């Protein structure tokens, strides 16, 4: 099982993910998702899902947050919190799991929703035997 984040930090990440969902551009699915990541520097980066009429070009909240952090020079993801406006918590999709693994192969992943349900795990549990940078050496 993944290590636990300190409760105050976890609450900050959860609040940031919920806030990020408000910026979602999701005119097709009407499914606003927000994510917050804790980078190696300790800084929090957020992202929301961004849809496109060409559905294959949509971007999930988790990837938006990680790409924003990477563009700022971050190279380590310690934790990812994903908020979905659902009664049950939803874990990251396969593409997001792969992107999380790239910079956070031991990252904590927490999924929250509109109820008290939550999923807390680690990316190596969600994506066992992942393909990653070491496979290209």
N, C-alpha and C. Protein backbone atom coordinates (compact mmCIF):
# COMPACT_ATOMS: atom_id res chain seq x y z
N UNK A 1 0.84 -1.19 0.00
CA UNK A 1 0.00 0.00 0.00
C UNK A 1 0.88 1.25 0.00
N UNK A 2 0.37 2.29 -0.59
CA UNK A 2 1.10 3.55 -0.71
C UNK A 2 1.27 4.22 0.65
N UNK A 3 2.33 5.00 0.77
CA UNK A 3 2.50 5.78 1.99
C UNK A 3 1.40 6.83 2.06
N UNK A 4 1.17 7.34 3.25
CA UNK A 4 0.12 8.33 3.47
C UNK A 4 0.69 9.74 3.44
N UNK A 5 -0.09 10.66 2.92
CA UNK A 5 0.27 12.07 2.97
C UNK A 5 -0.20 12.65 4.29
N UNK A 6 0.49 13.65 4.82
CA UNK A 6 -0.02 14.32 6.02
C UNK A 6 -1.42 14.89 5.72
N UNK A 7 -2.33 14.80 6.68
CA UNK A 7 -3.72 15.21 6.48
C UNK A 7 -3.86 16.65 5.97
N UNK A 8 -3.14 17.63 6.53
CA UNK A 8 -3.30 19.00 6.02
C UNK A 8 -2.89 19.12 4.54
N UNK A 9 -1.83 18.44 4.15
CA UNK A 9 -1.39 18.47 2.75
C UNK A 9 -2.42 17.79 1.86
N UNK A 10 -2.95 16.69 2.32
CA UNK A 10 -3.97 15.96 1.56
C UNK A 10 -5.20 16.86 1.35
N UNK A 11 -5.61 17.56 2.38
CA UNK A 11 -6.77 18.47 2.26
C UNK A 11 -6.49 19.58 1.25
N UNK A 12 -5.26 20.12 1.26
CA UNK A 12 -4.90 21.17 0.29
C UNK A 12 -4.97 20.63 -1.14
N UNK A 13 -4.46 19.43 -1.35
CA UNK A 13 -4.50 18.82 -2.69
C UNK A 13 -5.94 18.55 -3.12
N UNK A 14 -6.75 18.05 -2.20
CA UNK A 14 -8.16 17.77 -2.52
C UNK A 14 -8.90 19.05 -2.89
N UNK A 15 -8.69 20.11 -2.11
CA UNK A 15 -9.34 21.39 -2.41
C UNK A 15 -8.88 21.92 -3.77
N UNK A 16 -7.60 21.80 -4.05
CA UNK A 16 -7.07 22.27 -5.33
C UNK A 16 -7.66 21.49 -6.50
N UNK A 17 -7.84 20.19 -6.34
CA UNK A 17 -8.42 19.37 -7.41
C UNK A 17 -9.88 19.75 -7.65
N UNK A 18 -10.63 19.94 -6.58
CA UNK A 18 -12.04 20.35 -6.72
C UNK A 18 -12.14 21.71 -7.41
N UNK A 19 -11.28 22.63 -7.02
CA UNK A 19 -11.27 23.97 -7.62
C UNK A 19 -10.91 23.89 -9.10
N UNK A 20 -9.93 23.07 -9.43
CA UNK A 20 -9.50 22.93 -10.83
C UNK A 20 -10.62 22.43 -11.72
N UNK A 21 -11.48 21.58 -11.19
CA UNK A 21 -12.59 21.04 -11.99
C UNK A 21 -13.52 22.15 -12.49
N UNK A 22 -13.60 23.24 -11.77
CA UNK A 22 -14.47 24.35 -12.17
C UNK A 22 -14.01 24.99 -13.49
N UNK A 23 -12.73 24.82 -13.84
CA UNK A 23 -12.21 25.39 -15.08
C UNK A 23 -12.32 24.42 -16.25
N UNK A 24 -12.85 23.25 -16.01
CA UNK A 24 -12.96 22.22 -17.04
C UNK A 24 -13.66 22.74 -18.29
N UNK A 25 -13.13 22.36 -19.44
CA UNK A 25 -13.79 22.63 -20.72
C UNK A 25 -14.31 21.28 -21.19
N UNK A 26 -15.57 21.00 -20.85
CA UNK A 26 -16.15 19.69 -21.15
C UNK A 26 -17.56 19.82 -21.73
N UNK A 27 -17.67 20.52 -22.89
CA UNK A 27 -19.00 20.74 -23.47
C UNK A 27 -19.65 19.47 -24.02
N UNK A 28 -18.88 18.43 -24.28
CA UNK A 28 -19.42 17.21 -24.89
C UNK A 28 -19.82 16.18 -23.84
N UNK A 29 -18.93 15.89 -22.92
CA UNK A 29 -19.23 14.88 -21.90
C UNK A 29 -19.97 15.45 -20.70
N UNK A 30 -19.84 16.76 -20.47
CA UNK A 30 -20.40 17.40 -19.27
C UNK A 30 -19.84 16.77 -17.99
N UNK A 31 -18.62 16.23 -18.08
CA UNK A 31 -17.96 15.52 -16.98
C UNK A 31 -16.72 16.32 -16.60
N UNK A 32 -16.86 17.22 -15.64
CA UNK A 32 -15.77 18.11 -15.23
C UNK A 32 -14.85 17.40 -14.25
N UNK A 33 -13.60 17.27 -14.61
CA UNK A 33 -12.63 16.59 -13.76
C UNK A 33 -11.52 17.57 -13.40
N UNK A 34 -11.06 17.48 -12.15
CA UNK A 34 -9.95 18.30 -11.70
C UNK A 34 -8.88 17.42 -11.09
N UNK A 35 -7.64 17.86 -11.21
CA UNK A 35 -6.53 17.11 -10.61
C UNK A 35 -5.55 18.09 -9.97
N UNK A 36 -4.89 17.61 -8.96
CA UNK A 36 -3.81 18.36 -8.31
C UNK A 36 -2.67 17.39 -8.07
N UNK A 37 -1.47 17.82 -8.41
CA UNK A 37 -0.31 16.96 -8.16
C UNK A 37 0.64 17.66 -7.20
N UNK A 38 1.30 16.85 -6.43
CA UNK A 38 2.36 17.32 -5.55
C UNK A 38 3.66 16.97 -6.25
N UNK A 39 4.39 18.01 -6.65
CA UNK A 39 5.65 17.80 -7.36
C UNK A 39 6.79 17.56 -6.36
N UNK A 40 7.91 17.12 -6.89
CA UNK A 40 9.08 16.86 -6.06
C UNK A 40 9.55 18.07 -5.28
N UNK A 41 9.32 19.26 -5.83
CA UNK A 41 9.72 20.50 -5.15
C UNK A 41 8.80 20.84 -3.98
N UNK A 42 7.66 20.15 -3.90
CA UNK A 42 6.67 20.46 -2.87
C UNK A 42 5.57 21.37 -3.38
N UNK A 43 5.72 21.88 -4.59
CA UNK A 43 4.73 22.76 -5.19
C UNK A 43 3.55 21.94 -5.70
N UNK A 44 2.36 22.53 -5.64
CA UNK A 44 1.14 21.90 -6.14
C UNK A 44 0.80 22.50 -7.50
N UNK A 45 0.53 21.63 -8.46
CA UNK A 45 0.10 22.03 -9.81
C UNK A 45 -1.28 21.43 -10.04
N UNK A 46 -2.12 22.19 -10.73
CA UNK A 46 -3.47 21.71 -10.99
C UNK A 46 -3.74 21.61 -12.49
N UNK A 47 -4.79 20.87 -12.80
CA UNK A 47 -5.23 20.75 -14.19
C UNK A 47 -6.67 20.32 -14.24
N UNK A 48 -7.29 20.56 -15.38
CA UNK A 48 -8.67 20.13 -15.61
C UNK A 48 -8.71 19.42 -16.95
N UNK A 49 -9.80 18.71 -17.19
CA UNK A 49 -9.93 18.09 -18.49
C UNK A 49 -10.31 19.14 -19.53
N UNK A 50 -9.78 18.97 -20.74
CA UNK A 50 -10.03 19.88 -21.85
C UNK A 50 -10.45 19.03 -23.04
N UNK A 51 -11.72 19.19 -23.43
CA UNK A 51 -12.24 18.39 -24.54
C UNK A 51 -12.05 19.10 -25.88
N UNK A 52 -12.26 18.35 -26.93
CA UNK A 52 -12.11 18.86 -28.29
C UNK A 52 -13.13 18.16 -29.16
N UNK A 53 -13.65 18.85 -30.15
CA UNK A 53 -14.63 18.24 -31.05
C UNK A 53 -14.06 17.01 -31.75
N UNK A 54 -12.75 16.97 -31.95
CA UNK A 54 -12.07 15.78 -32.43
C UNK A 54 -11.68 15.00 -31.18
N UNK A 55 -12.54 14.08 -30.75
CA UNK A 55 -12.45 13.47 -29.43
C UNK A 55 -11.07 12.92 -29.08
N UNK A 56 -10.33 12.44 -30.03
CA UNK A 56 -9.00 11.89 -29.76
C UNK A 56 -8.02 12.94 -29.26
N UNK A 57 -8.35 14.20 -29.41
CA UNK A 57 -7.46 15.28 -28.99
C UNK A 57 -7.79 15.83 -27.61
N UNK A 58 -8.71 15.19 -26.89
CA UNK A 58 -9.04 15.62 -25.54
C UNK A 58 -7.86 15.34 -24.60
N UNK A 59 -7.81 16.08 -23.51
CA UNK A 59 -6.76 15.87 -22.52
C UNK A 59 -7.38 15.78 -21.13
N UNK A 60 -6.98 14.77 -20.39
CA UNK A 60 -7.50 14.56 -19.04
C UNK A 60 -6.88 15.53 -18.05
N UNK A 61 -7.54 15.70 -16.92
CA UNK A 61 -7.08 16.62 -15.88
C UNK A 61 -5.71 16.22 -15.33
N UNK A 62 -5.50 14.92 -15.13
CA UNK A 62 -4.23 14.45 -14.57
C UNK A 62 -3.07 14.82 -15.49
N UNK A 63 -3.25 14.57 -16.78
CA UNK A 63 -2.19 14.89 -17.74
C UNK A 63 -1.98 16.39 -17.86
N UNK A 64 -3.06 17.17 -17.81
CA UNK A 64 -2.90 18.62 -17.86
C UNK A 64 -2.05 19.09 -16.69
N UNK A 65 -2.32 18.59 -15.49
CA UNK A 65 -1.56 18.99 -14.31
C UNK A 65 -0.09 18.56 -14.43
N UNK A 66 0.14 17.34 -14.86
CA UNK A 66 1.52 16.85 -14.97
C UNK A 66 2.28 17.58 -16.06
N UNK A 67 1.64 17.83 -17.20
CA UNK A 67 2.31 18.55 -18.28
C UNK A 67 2.63 19.98 -17.86
N UNK A 68 1.74 20.60 -17.07
CA UNK A 68 1.99 21.95 -16.56
C UNK A 68 3.20 21.94 -15.64
N UNK A 69 3.27 20.94 -14.77
CA UNK A 69 4.42 20.82 -13.86
C UNK A 69 5.71 20.59 -14.64
N UNK A 70 5.66 19.69 -15.62
CA UNK A 70 6.85 19.40 -16.42
C UNK A 70 7.31 20.65 -17.17
N UNK A 71 6.35 21.43 -17.70
CA UNK A 71 6.70 22.66 -18.41
C UNK A 71 7.34 23.68 -17.49
N UNK A 72 7.07 23.57 -16.19
CA UNK A 72 7.68 24.46 -15.20
C UNK A 72 9.02 23.92 -14.69
N UNK A 73 9.44 22.78 -15.25
CA UNK A 73 10.74 22.22 -14.87
C UNK A 73 10.69 21.10 -13.84
N UNK A 74 9.51 20.74 -13.39
CA UNK A 74 9.39 19.65 -12.41
C UNK A 74 9.67 18.32 -13.12
N UNK A 75 10.32 17.41 -12.40
CA UNK A 75 10.63 16.10 -12.97
C UNK A 75 10.23 14.95 -12.05
N UNK A 76 9.56 15.28 -10.92
CA UNK A 76 9.12 14.25 -9.98
C UNK A 76 7.68 14.54 -9.56
N UNK A 77 6.84 13.51 -9.61
CA UNK A 77 5.47 13.59 -9.11
C UNK A 77 5.40 12.68 -7.88
N UNK A 78 5.07 13.28 -6.73
CA UNK A 78 4.95 12.52 -5.49
C UNK A 78 3.54 12.00 -5.26
N UNK A 79 2.54 12.80 -5.66
CA UNK A 79 1.15 12.41 -5.42
C UNK A 79 0.24 13.06 -6.46
N UNK A 80 -0.87 12.38 -6.71
CA UNK A 80 -1.90 12.87 -7.63
C UNK A 80 -3.25 12.72 -6.95
N UNK A 81 -4.03 13.79 -6.92
CA UNK A 81 -5.40 13.73 -6.43
C UNK A 81 -6.32 14.06 -7.60
N UNK A 82 -7.30 13.20 -7.82
CA UNK A 82 -8.25 13.37 -8.92
C UNK A 82 -9.65 13.51 -8.33
N UNK A 83 -10.34 14.56 -8.74
CA UNK A 83 -11.73 14.78 -8.32
C UNK A 83 -12.66 14.58 -9.51
N UNK A 84 -13.71 13.79 -9.30
CA UNK A 84 -14.77 13.63 -10.29
C UNK A 84 -16.11 13.95 -9.63
N UNK A 85 -17.03 14.57 -10.38
CA UNK A 85 -18.33 14.96 -9.83
C UNK A 85 -19.30 13.78 -9.85
N UNK A 86 -18.94 12.73 -9.16
CA UNK A 86 -19.68 11.48 -9.18
C UNK A 86 -19.97 11.01 -7.75
N UNK A 87 -20.91 10.08 -7.57
CA UNK A 87 -21.15 9.56 -6.22
C UNK A 87 -20.09 8.55 -5.78
N UNK A 88 -19.33 8.00 -6.74
CA UNK A 88 -18.25 7.07 -6.40
C UNK A 88 -16.94 7.58 -7.00
N UNK A 89 -15.86 7.30 -6.34
CA UNK A 89 -14.55 7.74 -6.80
C UNK A 89 -14.14 7.01 -8.08
N UNK A 90 -13.48 7.73 -8.97
CA UNK A 90 -13.06 7.20 -10.27
C UNK A 90 -11.55 7.27 -10.38
N UNK A 91 -10.91 6.16 -10.69
CA UNK A 91 -9.45 6.17 -10.81
C UNK A 91 -9.02 6.67 -12.18
N UNK A 92 -7.76 7.08 -12.33
CA UNK A 92 -7.27 7.59 -13.61
C UNK A 92 -7.37 6.57 -14.75
N UNK A 93 -7.57 7.08 -15.95
CA UNK A 93 -7.63 6.21 -17.13
C UNK A 93 -6.24 5.64 -17.42
N UNK A 94 -6.16 4.73 -18.35
CA UNK A 94 -4.91 4.08 -18.69
C UNK A 94 -3.84 5.04 -19.18
N UNK A 95 -4.22 5.99 -20.02
CA UNK A 95 -3.24 6.96 -20.52
C UNK A 95 -2.67 7.79 -19.38
N UNK A 96 -3.54 8.21 -18.47
CA UNK A 96 -3.06 9.00 -17.32
C UNK A 96 -2.17 8.17 -16.41
N UNK A 97 -2.50 6.91 -16.23
CA UNK A 97 -1.66 6.04 -15.41
C UNK A 97 -0.24 5.98 -15.99
N UNK A 98 -0.16 5.87 -17.30
CA UNK A 98 1.15 5.80 -17.96
C UNK A 98 1.92 7.11 -17.77
N UNK A 99 1.24 8.25 -17.90
CA UNK A 99 1.89 9.55 -17.73
C UNK A 99 2.30 9.76 -16.27
N UNK A 100 1.46 9.37 -15.32
CA UNK A 100 1.84 9.47 -13.90
C UNK A 100 3.10 8.65 -13.65
N UNK A 101 3.14 7.44 -14.19
CA UNK A 101 4.29 6.56 -14.00
C UNK A 101 5.59 7.18 -14.50
N UNK A 102 5.53 7.96 -15.55
CA UNK A 102 6.74 8.56 -16.13
C UNK A 102 7.53 9.38 -15.13
N UNK A 103 6.84 10.25 -14.39
CA UNK A 103 7.52 11.13 -13.43
C UNK A 103 7.28 10.72 -11.98
N UNK A 104 6.38 9.76 -11.78
CA UNK A 104 6.07 9.35 -10.41
C UNK A 104 5.85 7.86 -10.30
N UNK A 105 6.88 7.04 -10.57
CA UNK A 105 6.68 5.59 -10.54
C UNK A 105 6.30 5.03 -9.18
N UNK A 106 6.40 5.84 -8.13
CA UNK A 106 5.93 5.40 -6.81
C UNK A 106 4.94 6.41 -6.24
N UNK A 107 4.29 7.17 -7.11
CA UNK A 107 3.37 8.22 -6.68
C UNK A 107 2.15 7.65 -5.96
N UNK A 108 1.68 8.40 -4.99
CA UNK A 108 0.41 8.13 -4.32
C UNK A 108 -0.69 8.64 -5.25
N UNK A 109 -1.76 7.88 -5.40
CA UNK A 109 -2.90 8.30 -6.22
C UNK A 109 -4.16 8.25 -5.35
N UNK A 110 -4.82 9.40 -5.25
CA UNK A 110 -6.03 9.50 -4.45
C UNK A 110 -7.15 10.00 -5.37
N UNK A 111 -8.25 9.26 -5.39
CA UNK A 111 -9.43 9.65 -6.17
C UNK A 111 -10.53 10.02 -5.20
N UNK A 112 -11.12 11.21 -5.41
CA UNK A 112 -12.20 11.69 -4.55
C UNK A 112 -13.41 12.05 -5.43
N UNK A 113 -14.56 12.22 -4.77
CA UNK A 113 -15.79 12.49 -5.52
C UNK A 113 -16.73 13.33 -4.65
N UNK A 114 -18.01 13.32 -5.00
CA UNK A 114 -18.99 14.12 -4.26
C UNK A 114 -19.52 13.45 -3.00
N UNK A 115 -19.10 12.23 -2.75
CA UNK A 115 -19.46 11.56 -1.50
C UNK A 115 -18.19 11.43 -0.65
N UNK A 116 -18.26 10.71 0.43
CA UNK A 116 -17.09 10.48 1.26
C UNK A 116 -16.23 9.34 0.75
N UNK A 117 -16.67 8.67 -0.32
CA UNK A 117 -15.88 7.56 -0.87
C UNK A 117 -14.57 8.10 -1.45
N UNK A 118 -13.53 7.35 -1.27
CA UNK A 118 -12.23 7.72 -1.82
C UNK A 118 -11.45 6.45 -2.11
N UNK A 119 -10.58 6.55 -3.09
CA UNK A 119 -9.66 5.47 -3.40
C UNK A 119 -8.26 6.00 -3.14
N UNK A 120 -7.49 5.31 -2.35
CA UNK A 120 -6.10 5.69 -2.08
C UNK A 120 -5.23 4.49 -2.41
N UNK A 121 -4.28 4.69 -3.31
CA UNK A 121 -3.41 3.60 -3.73
C UNK A 121 -2.10 4.20 -4.24
N UNK A 122 -1.35 3.41 -4.95
CA UNK A 122 -0.11 3.86 -5.56
C UNK A 122 -0.16 3.52 -7.04
N UNK A 123 0.55 4.29 -7.84
CA UNK A 123 0.52 4.07 -9.28
C UNK A 123 1.03 2.68 -9.66
N UNK A 124 1.99 2.15 -8.91
CA UNK A 124 2.50 0.82 -9.27
C UNK A 124 1.46 -0.27 -9.01
N UNK A 125 0.45 0.01 -8.21
CA UNK A 125 -0.68 -0.92 -8.04
C UNK A 125 -1.65 -0.77 -9.21
N UNK A 126 -1.90 0.48 -9.63
CA UNK A 126 -2.82 0.73 -10.74
C UNK A 126 -2.23 0.35 -12.10
N UNK A 127 -0.91 0.36 -12.20
CA UNK A 127 -0.23 0.06 -13.45
C UNK A 127 0.96 -0.87 -13.18
N UNK A 128 0.67 -2.13 -12.83
CA UNK A 128 1.77 -3.05 -12.52
C UNK A 128 2.59 -3.36 -13.78
N UNK A 129 3.86 -3.60 -13.57
CA UNK A 129 4.77 -3.96 -14.67
C UNK A 129 4.76 -2.88 -15.77
N UNK A 130 4.73 -1.64 -15.36
CA UNK A 130 4.62 -0.52 -16.31
C UNK A 130 5.82 -0.40 -17.23
N UNK A 131 5.59 0.08 -18.41
CA UNK A 131 6.65 0.45 -19.34
C UNK A 131 7.09 1.84 -18.93
N UNK A 132 8.39 2.03 -18.77
CA UNK A 132 8.88 3.33 -18.33
C UNK A 132 10.26 3.63 -18.87
N UNK A 133 10.85 4.72 -18.41
CA UNK A 133 12.14 5.17 -18.91
C UNK A 133 13.23 4.10 -18.87
N UNK A 134 13.22 3.26 -17.83
CA UNK A 134 14.28 2.24 -17.73
C UNK A 134 14.18 1.20 -18.84
N UNK A 135 13.00 1.05 -19.44
CA UNK A 135 12.84 0.10 -20.53
C UNK A 135 13.51 0.57 -21.82
N UNK A 136 13.88 1.84 -21.88
CA UNK A 136 14.51 2.39 -23.07
C UNK A 136 16.03 2.46 -22.96
N UNK A 137 16.56 2.04 -21.82
CA UNK A 137 18.03 2.10 -21.63
C UNK A 137 18.72 0.98 -22.36
